[in-house]
Structure formats: structure tokens, C-alpha cells
Amino acid sequence: RRIQHTVLRINSININRAIDKKPEVEGLDRVY
């Protein structure tokens, strides 16, 4: 369970980073 917990934590961090990057990409798409 410890391994799964760490994997889930890493996945959640990656998802949060992807969500943070999305608005920037959408903003660039709207400008162009």
C-alpha cells in the first residue's frame, strides 16, 4: 500500500502541474 500511495501522490502532483499549465496554453491559443 505504501508504494501505491506514493504513486498516487506523484500522479496527483503531475495532474496539478498539467492543470496549472493548461490555462497558459489556452491563453496562447486564444492570442493566436
N, C-alpha and C. Protein backbone atom coordinates (compact mmCIF):
# COMPACT_ATOMS: atom_id res chain seq x y z
N ARG A 1 0.84 -1.21 0.00
CA ARG A 1 0.00 0.00 0.00
C ARG A 1 0.87 1.26 0.00
N ARG A 2 2.02 1.18 0.63
CA ARG A 2 2.89 2.37 0.65
C ARG A 2 3.30 2.75 -0.77
N ILE A 3 3.65 1.74 -1.57
CA ILE A 3 4.08 2.02 -2.95
C ILE A 3 2.92 2.66 -3.71
N GLN A 4 1.72 2.11 -3.59
CA GLN A 4 0.56 2.67 -4.30
C GLN A 4 0.30 4.10 -3.83
N HIS A 5 0.47 4.35 -2.54
CA HIS A 5 0.21 5.69 -2.01
C HIS A 5 1.17 6.70 -2.62
N THR A 6 2.44 6.33 -2.70
CA THR A 6 3.43 7.26 -3.27
C THR A 6 3.14 7.48 -4.74
N VAL A 7 2.73 6.42 -5.45
CA VAL A 7 2.42 6.56 -6.88
C VAL A 7 1.23 7.49 -7.05
N LEU A 8 0.21 7.32 -6.23
CA LEU A 8 -0.97 8.19 -6.33
C LEU A 8 -0.58 9.64 -6.05
N ARG A 9 0.30 9.83 -5.07
CA ARG A 9 0.74 11.19 -4.73
C ARG A 9 1.48 11.81 -5.91
N ILE A 10 2.37 11.04 -6.55
CA ILE A 10 3.11 11.55 -7.71
C ILE A 10 2.14 11.88 -8.84
N ASN A 11 1.17 11.00 -9.07
CA ASN A 11 0.19 11.23 -10.14
C ASN A 11 -0.60 12.51 -9.87
N SER A 12 -1.01 12.72 -8.61
CA SER A 12 -1.78 13.92 -8.28
C SER A 12 -0.93 15.17 -8.51
N ILE A 13 0.36 15.11 -8.19
CA ILE A 13 1.25 16.26 -8.41
C ILE A 13 1.36 16.54 -9.90
N ASN A 14 1.53 15.49 -10.71
CA ASN A 14 1.64 15.67 -12.16
C ASN A 14 0.36 16.24 -12.72
N ILE A 15 -0.80 15.77 -12.22
CA ILE A 15 -2.09 16.28 -12.70
C ILE A 15 -2.21 17.75 -12.35
N ASN A 16 -1.82 18.12 -11.12
CA ASN A 16 -1.91 19.52 -10.71
C ASN A 16 -1.02 20.39 -11.59
N ARG A 17 0.16 19.91 -11.93
CA ARG A 17 1.06 20.68 -12.80
C ARG A 17 0.45 20.83 -14.18
N ALA A 18 -0.16 19.78 -14.69
CA ALA A 18 -0.78 19.82 -16.02
C ALA A 18 -1.93 20.83 -16.01
N ILE A 19 -2.72 20.85 -14.92
CA ILE A 19 -3.84 21.79 -14.82
C ILE A 19 -3.29 23.22 -14.76
N ASP A 20 -2.19 23.42 -14.04
CA ASP A 20 -1.61 24.76 -13.94
C ASP A 20 -1.10 25.22 -15.30
N LYS A 21 -0.61 24.31 -16.12
CA LYS A 21 -0.07 24.68 -17.43
C LYS A 21 -1.18 24.91 -18.45
N LYS A 22 -2.32 24.26 -18.29
CA LYS A 22 -3.40 24.36 -19.28
C LYS A 22 -3.84 25.79 -19.54
N PRO A 23 -4.14 26.59 -18.52
CA PRO A 23 -4.59 27.97 -18.78
C PRO A 23 -3.58 28.76 -19.61
N GLU A 24 -2.29 28.53 -19.39
CA GLU A 24 -1.26 29.25 -20.15
C GLU A 24 -1.35 28.84 -21.62
N VAL A 25 -1.48 27.57 -21.89
CA VAL A 25 -1.56 27.08 -23.27
C VAL A 25 -2.83 27.61 -23.93
N GLU A 26 -3.95 27.57 -23.21
CA GLU A 26 -5.22 28.06 -23.77
C GLU A 26 -5.11 29.55 -24.05
N GLY A 27 -4.45 30.29 -23.16
CA GLY A 27 -4.28 31.72 -23.37
C GLY A 27 -3.49 31.99 -24.63
N LEU A 28 -2.41 31.22 -24.85
CA LEU A 28 -1.60 31.41 -26.06
C LEU A 28 -2.43 31.07 -27.30
N ASP A 29 -3.24 30.01 -27.21
CA ASP A 29 -4.06 29.62 -28.35
C ASP A 29 -5.06 30.73 -28.67
N ARG A 30 -5.59 31.37 -27.66
CA ARG A 30 -6.57 32.44 -27.88
C ARG A 30 -5.91 33.66 -28.50
N VAL A 31 -4.69 33.97 -28.07
CA VAL A 31 -3.98 35.13 -28.63
C VAL A 31 -3.74 34.92 -30.11
N TYR A 32 -3.29 33.72 -30.46
CA TYR A 32 -3.04 33.43 -31.88
C TYR A 32 -4.34 33.00 -32.53
